[in-house]
Amino acid sequence: MAATTNGGPKSIPLVKLDSTLYDLLKADLKDGEEMEALCKLKPNSDPQYGHAVPFNDKYIIHSAQVSTAENLAHLQLENTSHLLMFFAGPMRVLFMGSEGNTDDPTLSAEDVGKNAARSFSVIQESQRPRITTFKNTEDFVKRYDGAPIRWGFAMDFAERLPSLVHPELTYKLNSKKWLAECVLRSANDRVVDCSVNCKQHAVTDELWYHRGADCNACAEGVKEEIQRVREILLHAKIPFVLKLTQSLASVGTNIVQDEEARDKLVDSMTHYLADFLPRITKGNRHLYTTSLILSEFVPGPTHALNFHVRKDGSVVFLGACNQLATGESGRQSTAITYADQPKLQPKFQSTLDAIGKVLCEEGYHGPVGADIMEDPDSGRLFCIDLNVRVPLSLVLYLLKGHFNDRFGYGVATVYECTMLTISREELERKFEREFAEARILILGAARMGKKKVWAFGLVVAGEDTEAIEKVTERILEDEAKEDEDAEAGGA
């Protein structure tokens, strides 16, 4: 069966997912209980982009920088949503444009909705998500009328809408501070809670917050706190890892293995704290938005584990993936080897059970991604990161029937954001044979405004890693150059 709707070439085989998020969630629904809606918009905490992408002032999350607000909007509102809701199944999924906030016509609700439908058109019809699109934040808040929303990330404006999990809990469970302090095993973490002693506004039994530009004592306190953190980093034993408590796309993880890397980190943290300590407010001081986590460096293999936590705390295994460097580009991607899954599940099951129990006690059920590192000497497993939301690589496990059983491919790799200078249609024409053979699957594609640059979420499958590398290297022949990529922005 081939894709024939929404502009998709007839030669592309339709995808039948082994299961969907809808199926997993439905197993816990009581008779007559309404299925939740899904929204995976990524937040923005940079004021310069606030007009185009929903701005988080309370739930601050550090992320990569791009050149324009419009480019960020395509990545945060479209690209991320395509990738993280591709396997949602026949449930309601919520998209949002940026109408009235930008001159980019492709960020209209109509265009965003059409693009989403195009991305999902490669899925068999019975498993396609049901799309609802809003013009902008205010339109979303005004017009949404439905079941509680399962958000992928903590969003400020989500507090004005019905949520399955309150944004504060979403923020907490995705913080590296919480992971370091809970009962789950981590790599001997030290939490550095950045705070300020403001003598002018000293309080008892309350957490500090910045009183504004007029408070000289706060300004001096910020300088003193920055110096305190610098001293901690200057005396930390190398090698070590420093993580921001809240960050996206690994931009907040810093591995220090020599003095040069330490010097760069100290400089970057000086600027980071100068920018973000003043953004601790009365409304978010209890969230510890600027905490830092100092960890020992464990040079062992890391697996990206995906699973689903049911309401009773039991877990459903959804794949163990690993990191690969693909070809000469050295590009990092997440890959799954289907033949390895039966032996990896029992190896990690007790770790997943422990995580599921903790999350259930916190009031969460749903999909989770965990990065688990194995000490090469002791074999001890460390949970070094926890994504309490839909993880991107989960889609690989649900595509086993499509790639492995149907087409005989043993390995599949997912790329979150590949910037190319050709459109979806051009890519499909250039690789017509590979698409027909199901070697390439586009999870989503968004044009970066008026530039000839498109952001793709891709899965490449093959008999082995070498087969994937050959196809990937050909795809990257059309990768946006550095100057073009600077305009488009990397994710």
Protein backbone atom coordinates (compact mmCIF):
# COMPACT_ATOMS: atom_id res chain seq x y z
CA MET A 1 0.00 0.00 0.00
CA ALA A 2 1.36 3.46 -0.89
CA ALA A 3 0.74 7.03 0.20
CA THR A 4 -1.77 8.77 -2.07
CA THR A 5 -3.13 11.69 -0.05
CA ASN A 6 -2.11 15.24 0.85
CA GLY A 7 0.41 15.48 -1.97
CA GLY A 8 2.52 12.44 -1.08
CA PRO A 9 4.03 10.35 -3.91
CA LYS A 10 2.14 7.14 -4.64
CA SER A 11 5.38 5.15 -4.55
CA ILE A 12 6.03 5.72 -0.83
CA PRO A 13 4.81 2.75 1.27
CA LEU A 14 2.31 3.70 3.94
CA VAL A 15 3.55 3.22 7.49
CA LYS A 16 1.72 0.90 9.86
CA LEU A 17 2.98 1.49 13.39
CA ASP A 18 3.24 -1.52 15.72
CA SER A 19 1.40 0.52 18.33
CA THR A 20 0.64 4.17 19.01
CA LEU A 21 0.51 6.48 21.98
CA TYR A 22 -3.27 6.33 21.68
CA ASP A 23 -3.17 2.54 22.15
CA LEU A 24 -0.88 2.80 25.18
CA LEU A 25 -3.02 5.46 26.87
CA LYS A 26 -6.31 3.77 26.01
CA ALA A 27 -5.28 0.72 28.06
CA ASP A 28 -5.60 2.83 31.22
CA LEU A 29 -8.84 4.65 30.33
CA LYS A 30 -11.93 3.79 32.32
CA ASP A 31 -15.23 3.21 30.54
CA GLY A 32 -16.58 6.55 29.37
CA GLU A 33 -13.38 8.44 30.23
CA GLU A 34 -12.32 10.97 27.60
CA MET A 35 -9.01 10.58 25.78
CA GLU A 36 -6.62 13.46 26.41
CA ALA A 37 -5.28 15.78 23.70
CA LEU A 38 -1.60 16.05 22.82
CA CYS A 39 0.52 19.18 22.33
CA LYS A 40 4.31 19.16 21.84
CA LEU A 41 5.16 22.82 21.24
CA LYS A 42 8.68 23.60 22.42
CA PRO A 43 9.10 26.59 24.76
CA ASN A 44 11.20 29.68 24.24
CA SER A 45 12.88 31.53 27.10
CA ASP A 46 14.73 34.13 25.02
CA PRO A 47 12.99 37.55 25.03
CA GLN A 48 14.26 38.40 21.54
CA TYR A 49 12.08 35.64 20.08
CA GLY A 50 9.05 36.22 22.28
CA HIS A 51 6.91 37.81 19.58
CA ALA A 52 6.92 34.71 17.37
CA VAL A 53 7.21 31.80 19.82
CA PRO A 54 5.35 31.48 23.16
CA PHE A 55 7.64 33.07 25.74
CA ASN A 56 8.42 31.34 29.02
CA ASP A 57 9.22 33.79 31.79
CA LYS A 58 8.27 31.45 34.63
CA TYR A 59 9.32 28.05 33.30
CA ILE A 60 12.77 29.02 32.05
CA ILE A 61 14.40 26.41 29.82
CA HIS A 62 17.77 27.01 28.17
CA SER A 63 17.98 26.12 24.47
CA ALA A 64 20.08 26.64 21.35
CA GLN A 65 20.15 30.00 19.60
CA VAL A 66 19.03 30.66 16.03
CA SER A 67 19.25 33.73 13.83
CA THR A 68 15.61 34.85 13.71
CA ALA A 69 12.38 34.49 15.63
CA GLU A 70 10.66 33.11 12.53
CA ASN A 71 13.25 30.34 12.17
CA LEU A 72 12.79 29.41 15.81
CA ALA A 73 9.03 29.38 15.31
CA HIS A 74 9.31 26.81 12.51
CA LEU A 75 11.51 24.62 14.70
CA GLN A 76 9.59 24.96 17.96
CA LEU A 77 6.04 25.06 16.61
CA GLU A 78 6.31 22.75 13.59
CA ASN A 79 9.42 20.55 13.46
CA THR A 80 9.23 19.40 17.07
CA SER A 81 5.49 18.77 16.89
CA HIS A 82 5.80 16.66 13.72
CA LEU A 83 8.49 14.47 15.26
CA LEU A 84 6.99 13.98 18.71
CA MET A 85 3.42 13.38 17.52
CA PHE A 86 4.13 11.20 14.47
CA PHE A 87 3.24 8.09 16.49
CA ALA A 88 0.35 9.65 18.44
CA GLY A 89 -2.25 7.55 16.67
CA PRO A 90 -5.91 8.58 16.15
CA MET A 91 -6.02 11.05 19.03
CA ARG A 92 -6.41 14.82 18.94
CA VAL A 93 -3.11 16.66 18.40
CA LEU A 94 -2.76 20.41 18.75
CA PHE A 95 -0.67 22.66 16.51
CA MET A 96 -0.22 26.42 16.63
CA GLY A 97 0.95 29.06 14.17
CA SER A 98 2.19 32.57 14.80
CA GLU A 99 -0.39 34.68 12.97
CA GLY A 100 -0.22 38.38 13.77
CA ASN A 101 3.21 38.02 15.36
CA THR A 102 5.31 37.70 12.21
CA ASP A 103 5.27 38.57 8.51
CA ASP A 104 6.08 34.97 7.58
CA PRO A 105 2.92 33.72 5.78
CA THR A 106 3.95 30.07 6.23
CA LEU A 107 3.35 30.44 9.98
CA SER A 108 -0.38 30.92 9.48
CA ALA A 109 -2.69 28.37 11.08
CA GLU A 110 -3.76 27.21 7.64
CA ASP A 111 -0.21 26.58 6.40
CA VAL A 112 0.91 24.96 9.66
CA GLY A 113 -2.11 22.65 9.56
CA LYS A 114 -1.54 21.68 5.92
CA ASN A 115 2.11 20.96 6.60
CA ALA A 116 1.21 18.76 9.56
CA ALA A 117 -1.31 16.83 7.46
CA ARG A 118 1.34 16.34 4.78
CA SER A 119 3.75 14.90 7.34
CA PHE A 120 1.17 12.49 8.75
CA SER A 121 -0.07 11.42 5.29
CA VAL A 122 2.56 8.67 5.12
CA ILE A 123 0.85 6.88 8.04
CA GLN A 124 -2.04 4.51 7.32
CA GLU A 125 -5.30 6.39 7.70
CA SER A 126 -6.59 4.54 10.77
CA GLN A 127 -3.50 5.60 12.75
CA ARG A 128 -3.26 9.24 11.67
CA PRO A 129 -3.52 11.93 14.36
CA ARG A 130 -6.54 14.24 14.30
CA ILE A 131 -5.15 17.75 13.80
CA THR A 132 -6.48 20.97 15.34
CA THR A 133 -4.54 24.16 14.58
CA PHE A 134 -4.69 27.55 16.30
CA LYS A 135 -3.55 30.93 14.99
CA ASN A 136 -1.46 31.91 18.00
CA THR A 137 -1.35 31.72 21.79
CA GLU A 138 -4.39 33.91 22.40
CA ASP A 139 -6.42 32.03 19.81
CA PHE A 140 -5.38 28.76 21.48
CA VAL A 141 -6.52 29.93 24.92
CA LYS A 142 -9.74 31.45 23.60
CA ARG A 143 -10.91 28.66 21.31
CA TYR A 144 -9.67 25.44 22.87
CA ASP A 145 -12.56 23.37 24.13
CA GLY A 146 -11.71 19.81 24.86
CA ALA A 147 -10.06 17.23 27.06
CA PRO A 148 -7.09 17.96 29.31
CA ILE A 149 -3.88 18.46 27.34
CA ARG A 150 -0.74 16.34 27.68
CA TRP A 151 2.03 18.88 27.14
CA GLY A 152 5.52 17.86 26.08
CA PHE A 153 7.13 20.78 27.88
CA ALA A 154 6.21 23.21 30.63
CA MET A 155 4.69 26.30 28.97
CA ASP A 156 3.70 29.51 30.73
CA PHE A 157 0.47 29.88 28.73
CA ALA A 158 -0.49 26.27 29.56
CA GLU A 159 -1.55 27.51 32.99
CA ARG A 160 -4.52 29.12 31.23
CA LEU A 161 -5.65 25.82 29.72
CA PRO A 162 -6.79 22.43 31.07
CA SER A 163 -3.70 20.25 31.59
CA LEU A 164 -3.42 16.55 32.32
CA VAL A 165 -0.28 17.28 34.35
CA HIS A 166 0.21 20.75 35.82
CA PRO A 167 3.10 22.63 34.16
CA GLU A 168 4.88 22.90 37.52
CA LEU A 169 5.02 19.12 37.83
CA THR A 170 6.13 18.78 34.20
CA TYR A 171 8.92 21.28 34.90
CA LYS A 172 9.95 19.54 38.10
CA LEU A 173 10.09 16.01 36.67
CA ASN A 174 12.18 17.17 33.71
CA SER A 175 14.69 19.03 35.86
CA LYS A 176 18.12 17.54 36.41
CA LYS A 177 18.02 18.89 39.96
CA TRP A 178 15.05 16.66 40.76
CA LEU A 179 16.76 13.66 39.16
CA ALA A 180 19.91 14.26 41.21
CA GLU A 181 17.96 14.51 44.46
CA CYS A 182 15.44 11.68 44.01
CA VAL A 183 16.06 8.02 44.84
CA LEU A 184 17.07 7.04 41.30
CA ARG A 185 20.74 6.27 40.78
CA SER A 186 22.77 9.08 39.30
CA ALA A 187 26.50 9.68 38.92
CA ASN A 188 27.37 11.11 42.37
CA ASP A 189 25.78 14.45 41.57
CA ARG A 190 26.36 17.65 43.50
CA VAL A 191 23.55 20.19 43.18
CA VAL A 192 24.60 23.84 43.20
CA ASP A 193 21.49 25.89 43.94
CA CYS A 194 22.31 29.36 42.70
CA SER A 195 20.83 31.97 45.02
CA VAL A 196 21.65 35.47 46.17
CA ASN A 197 21.98 37.06 49.57
CA CYS A 198 20.38 40.46 49.15
CA LYS A 199 21.00 42.39 52.37
CA GLN A 200 18.48 45.06 51.39
CA HIS A 201 15.67 42.54 50.98
CA ALA A 202 16.66 39.89 53.50
CA VAL A 203 13.77 37.56 54.25
CA THR A 204 13.18 34.75 56.71
CA ASP A 205 12.03 31.31 55.57
CA GLU A 206 11.64 32.55 52.00
CA LEU A 207 13.66 32.04 48.85
CA TRP A 208 15.37 35.02 47.24
CA TYR A 209 14.11 36.60 44.06
CA HIS A 210 15.47 39.51 42.04
CA ARG A 211 13.84 42.81 42.97
CA GLY A 212 14.69 44.59 39.72
CA ALA A 213 17.24 46.99 38.30
CA ASP A 214 16.70 49.51 41.11
CA CYS A 215 18.00 47.13 43.78
CA ASN A 216 21.75 47.67 44.03
CA ALA A 217 22.01 45.02 46.73
CA CYS A 218 20.54 42.42 44.35
CA ALA A 219 23.04 43.46 41.68
CA GLU A 220 25.93 43.05 44.09
CA GLY A 221 24.51 39.75 45.28
CA VAL A 222 24.40 38.46 41.70
CA LYS A 223 28.08 39.32 41.24
CA GLU A 224 28.98 37.53 44.48
CA GLU A 225 27.02 34.43 43.48
CA ILE A 226 28.68 34.32 40.07
CA GLN A 227 32.08 34.46 41.76
CA ARG A 228 31.06 31.64 44.14
CA VAL A 229 30.09 29.41 41.23
CA ARG A 230 33.29 30.28 39.36
CA GLU A 231 35.33 29.13 42.35
CA ILE A 232 33.42 25.85 42.50
CA LEU A 233 34.13 25.18 38.82
CA LEU A 234 37.77 26.27 39.05
CA HIS A 235 38.39 23.75 41.84
CA ALA A 236 36.30 20.85 40.49
CA LYS A 237 38.36 17.74 39.81
CA ILE A 238 38.78 17.02 36.10
CA PRO A 239 37.14 15.19 34.38
CA PHE A 240 33.64 16.31 35.34
CA VAL A 241 30.26 17.12 33.82
CA LEU A 242 28.24 20.27 34.46
CA LYS A 243 24.54 20.37 33.58
CA LEU A 244 21.95 23.12 33.63
CA THR A 245 18.87 21.94 35.47
CA GLN A 246 16.62 22.78 32.50
CA SER A 247 17.81 22.67 28.90
CA LEU A 248 16.87 21.31 25.49
CA ALA A 249 18.81 19.41 22.81
CA SER A 250 21.83 18.77 25.07
CA VAL A 251 22.88 22.44 25.00
CA GLY A 252 23.03 22.47 28.79
CA THR A 253 25.42 19.52 29.18
CA ASN A 254 29.14 20.35 29.38
CA ILE A 255 31.86 17.69 29.59
CA VAL A 256 35.18 19.00 30.93
CA GLN A 257 38.27 16.85 30.36
CA ASP A 258 41.06 19.45 30.32
CA GLU A 259 41.90 22.96 31.54
CA GLU A 260 41.04 24.61 28.24
CA ALA A 261 37.50 23.20 28.43
CA ARG A 262 37.27 24.33 32.06
CA ASP A 263 38.22 27.91 31.14
CA LYS A 264 35.57 28.00 28.39
CA LEU A 265 32.96 26.63 30.76
CA VAL A 266 33.76 29.16 33.49
CA ASP A 267 33.39 31.98 30.96
CA SER A 268 30.11 30.65 29.57
CA MET A 269 28.64 30.12 33.06
CA THR A 270 29.64 33.67 34.01
CA HIS A 271 27.55 35.03 31.13
CA TYR A 272 24.74 32.52 31.72
CA LEU A 273 24.29 33.41 35.39
CA ALA A 274 24.55 37.13 34.68
CA ASP A 275 21.62 36.74 32.28
CA PHE A 276 19.47 34.28 34.21
CA LEU A 277 19.93 35.05 37.93
CA PRO A 278 18.04 38.36 37.45
CA ARG A 279 15.19 36.32 35.95
CA ILE A 280 14.47 34.59 39.25
CA THR A 281 11.11 36.07 40.17
CA LYS A 282 8.66 35.80 43.03
CA GLY A 283 6.63 33.47 40.80
CA ASN A 284 9.39 31.02 39.90
CA ARG A 285 11.92 31.16 42.75
CA HIS A 286 10.64 27.86 44.15
CA LEU A 287 11.40 26.14 40.83
CA TYR A 288 15.19 26.62 41.13
CA THR A 289 15.49 27.65 37.49
CA THR A 290 19.25 28.30 37.63
CA SER A 291 20.46 25.27 39.60
CA LEU A 292 23.59 23.56 38.30
CA ILE A 293 24.44 19.87 38.63
CA LEU A 294 28.09 18.89 38.96
CA SER A 295 28.72 15.21 38.20
CA GLU A 296 31.61 12.83 37.95
CA PHE A 297 32.48 11.77 34.42
CA VAL A 298 31.73 8.10 33.78
CA PRO A 299 33.34 6.95 30.48
CA GLY A 300 30.91 4.16 29.76
CA PRO A 301 28.40 3.31 27.02
CA THR A 302 25.07 5.12 27.10
CA HIS A 303 21.70 3.73 26.07
CA ALA A 304 18.61 5.78 25.34
CA LEU A 305 15.78 3.75 26.86
CA ASN A 306 12.16 4.39 25.97
CA PHE A 307 9.18 3.10 27.91
CA HIS A 308 5.62 3.86 28.96
CA VAL A 309 4.57 4.18 32.60
CA ARG A 310 1.06 2.92 33.26
CA LYS A 311 -1.20 4.34 35.96
CA ASP A 312 -0.29 1.51 38.33
CA GLY A 313 3.44 2.25 37.93
CA SER A 314 4.23 -0.77 35.76
CA VAL A 315 6.23 -0.09 32.61
CA VAL A 316 5.99 -1.09 28.95
CA PHE A 317 9.41 -1.44 27.29
CA LEU A 318 9.62 0.56 24.05
CA GLY A 319 13.18 0.10 22.92
CA ALA A 320 16.84 0.61 23.82
CA CYS A 321 18.73 2.86 21.42
CA ASN A 322 22.32 4.06 21.20
CA GLN A 323 24.27 7.00 19.85
CA LEU A 324 26.09 6.78 16.51
CA ALA A 325 28.49 9.06 14.67
CA THR A 326 27.45 8.84 11.03
CA GLY A 327 30.06 8.98 8.27
CA GLU A 328 32.62 11.73 7.78
CA SER A 329 30.27 14.37 9.14
CA GLY A 330 30.54 12.89 12.63
CA ARG A 331 26.86 13.74 13.01
CA GLN A 332 25.32 12.29 16.15
CA SER A 333 22.11 10.35 15.75
CA THR A 334 20.03 7.87 17.70
CA ALA A 335 19.87 4.34 16.35
CA ILE A 336 18.13 1.09 17.14
CA THR A 337 19.29 -2.42 16.29
CA TYR A 338 16.18 -4.56 16.19
CA ALA A 339 17.93 -7.89 16.81
CA ASP A 340 19.38 -6.57 20.08
CA GLN A 341 16.06 -5.65 21.69
CA PRO A 342 15.15 -9.06 23.21
CA LYS A 343 18.43 -9.20 25.17
CA LEU A 344 18.51 -5.52 26.14
CA GLN A 345 15.05 -5.47 27.72
CA PRO A 346 15.90 -7.87 30.60
CA LYS A 347 19.20 -6.08 31.17
CA PHE A 348 17.47 -2.78 31.87
CA GLN A 349 14.07 -3.93 33.14
CA SER A 350 14.79 -3.44 36.85
CA THR A 351 16.06 0.08 36.17
CA LEU A 352 12.91 0.92 34.22
CA ASP A 353 10.74 -0.57 36.97
CA ALA A 354 12.42 1.68 39.54
CA ILE A 355 11.90 4.78 37.41
CA GLY A 356 8.27 3.86 36.76
CA LYS A 357 7.61 3.47 40.48
CA VAL A 358 9.08 6.89 41.30
CA LEU A 359 7.19 8.67 38.51
CA CYS A 360 3.92 6.97 39.47
CA GLU A 361 4.37 8.19 43.05
CA GLU A 362 4.86 11.71 41.67
CA GLY A 363 1.55 11.46 39.80
CA TYR A 364 2.82 10.87 36.27
CA HIS A 365 1.87 8.23 33.75
CA GLY A 366 2.80 8.19 30.09
CA PRO A 367 5.86 7.94 27.82
CA VAL A 368 9.38 8.45 29.18
CA GLY A 369 12.91 8.49 27.81
CA ALA A 370 15.91 7.75 30.04
CA ASP A 371 19.62 7.98 29.28
CA ILE A 372 21.31 5.15 31.16
CA MET A 373 25.09 4.97 31.45
CA GLU A 374 26.91 1.77 32.39
CA ASP A 375 30.13 1.91 34.40
CA PRO A 376 32.56 -0.24 32.37
CA ASP A 377 34.32 -1.46 35.52
CA SER A 378 31.50 -2.20 37.95
CA GLY A 379 28.60 -2.63 35.54
CA ARG A 380 26.58 -0.23 37.67
CA LEU A 381 23.83 1.61 35.81
CA PHE A 382 23.43 5.38 36.20
CA CYS A 383 20.33 7.31 35.15
CA ILE A 384 22.04 10.44 33.84
CA ASP A 385 19.03 12.07 32.19
CA LEU A 386 15.28 11.64 32.25
CA ASN A 387 12.85 13.03 29.68
CA VAL A 388 9.44 12.72 31.28
CA ARG A 389 7.61 13.28 28.02
CA VAL A 390 7.44 11.68 24.57
CA PRO A 391 11.06 10.88 23.55
CA LEU A 392 11.93 11.21 19.87
CA SER A 393 13.70 7.85 19.50
CA LEU A 394 10.60 5.98 20.72
CA VAL A 395 9.33 6.04 17.14
CA LEU A 396 12.10 3.63 16.10
CA TYR A 397 10.74 0.79 18.24
CA LEU A 398 7.20 1.32 16.94
CA LEU A 399 8.53 1.08 13.37
CA LYS A 400 9.96 -2.43 13.82
CA GLY A 401 7.10 -4.06 11.93
CA HIS A 402 7.52 -1.58 9.07
CA PHE A 403 11.30 -1.60 8.75
CA ASN A 404 12.39 -4.98 10.14
CA ASP A 405 9.49 -7.37 9.56
CA ARG A 406 8.21 -5.94 6.28
CA PHE A 407 11.40 -4.77 4.57
CA GLY A 408 14.10 -6.75 6.37
CA TYR A 409 16.10 -3.81 7.71
CA GLY A 410 18.04 -4.53 10.88
CA VAL A 411 18.93 -0.98 11.89
CA ALA A 412 17.14 2.39 11.86
CA THR A 413 18.46 5.83 12.76
CA VAL A 414 16.53 9.00 13.56
CA TYR A 415 17.83 12.52 12.93
CA GLU A 416 16.01 15.24 14.84
CA CYS A 417 16.89 18.25 12.71
CA THR A 418 18.76 18.06 9.42
CA MET A 419 19.00 21.33 7.49
CA LEU A 420 18.87 20.86 3.71
CA THR A 421 18.76 23.26 0.77
CA ILE A 422 16.12 21.21 -1.04
CA SER A 423 12.41 20.87 -0.32
CA ARG A 424 10.51 17.76 0.73
CA GLU A 425 9.30 17.28 -2.83
CA GLU A 426 12.82 17.61 -4.24
CA LEU A 427 14.19 15.16 -1.67
CA GLU A 428 11.47 12.65 -2.53
CA ARG A 429 12.25 12.96 -6.25
CA LYS A 430 16.01 12.68 -5.77
CA PHE A 431 15.67 9.59 -3.58
CA GLU A 432 12.60 8.09 -5.25
CA ARG A 433 14.02 4.56 -5.12
CA GLU A 434 15.06 4.83 -1.46
CA PHE A 435 11.63 6.15 -0.47
CA ALA A 436 9.91 3.36 -2.41
CA GLU A 437 12.11 0.81 -0.61
CA ALA A 438 11.29 2.43 2.76
CA ARG A 439 14.94 3.32 3.39
CA ILE A 440 14.00 6.94 4.13
CA LEU A 441 11.02 8.14 6.14
CA ILE A 442 10.29 11.84 6.66
CA LEU A 443 8.71 12.43 10.06
CA GLY A 444 8.32 16.13 9.35
CA ALA A 445 9.66 18.99 7.26
CA ALA A 446 9.36 22.76 7.64
CA ARG A 447 10.68 25.50 5.38
CA MET A 448 12.65 28.12 7.28
CA GLY A 449 10.70 31.15 6.13
CA LYS A 450 11.60 32.48 2.67
CA LYS A 451 15.09 30.98 2.65
CA LYS A 452 15.83 27.90 0.56
CA VAL A 453 16.48 25.90 3.70
CA TRP A 454 14.26 23.19 5.13
CA ALA A 455 14.43 21.52 8.55
CA PHE A 456 13.83 17.77 8.32
CA GLY A 457 13.14 15.10 10.88
CA LEU A 458 14.29 11.90 9.19
CA VAL A 459 14.53 8.19 9.80
CA VAL A 460 17.00 6.24 7.66
CA ALA A 461 16.80 2.44 7.75
CA GLY A 462 19.02 -0.27 6.32
CA GLU A 463 20.38 -3.77 6.57
CA ASP A 464 23.22 -2.48 8.76
CA THR A 465 24.97 0.71 9.86
CA GLU A 466 27.06 0.84 6.69
CA ALA A 467 23.94 0.87 4.51
CA ILE A 468 22.52 3.73 6.57
CA GLU A 469 25.76 5.70 6.30
CA LYS A 470 25.76 5.47 2.51
CA VAL A 471 22.25 6.89 2.22
CA THR A 472 22.84 9.52 4.89
CA GLU A 473 26.02 10.80 3.24
CA ARG A 474 24.12 11.25 -0.03
CA ILE A 475 21.36 13.14 1.78
CA LEU A 476 23.95 15.42 3.38
CA GLU A 477 25.25 16.44 -0.03
CA ASP A 478 22.41 18.98 0.12
CA GLU A 479 23.06 20.02 3.72
CA ALA A 480 22.84 23.77 4.30
CA LYS A 481 26.27 25.38 4.47
CA GLU A 482 27.33 27.25 7.59
CA ASP A 483 26.22 30.66 6.28
CA GLU A 484 22.86 29.26 5.16
CA ASP A 485 22.50 27.30 8.37
CA ALA A 486 23.20 30.44 10.37
CA GLU A 487 20.23 32.03 8.69
CA ALA A 488 18.09 28.97 9.21
CA GLY A 489 19.29 28.05 12.65
CA GLY A 490 20.26 24.63 13.91
CA ALA A 491 18.25 22.69 16.45
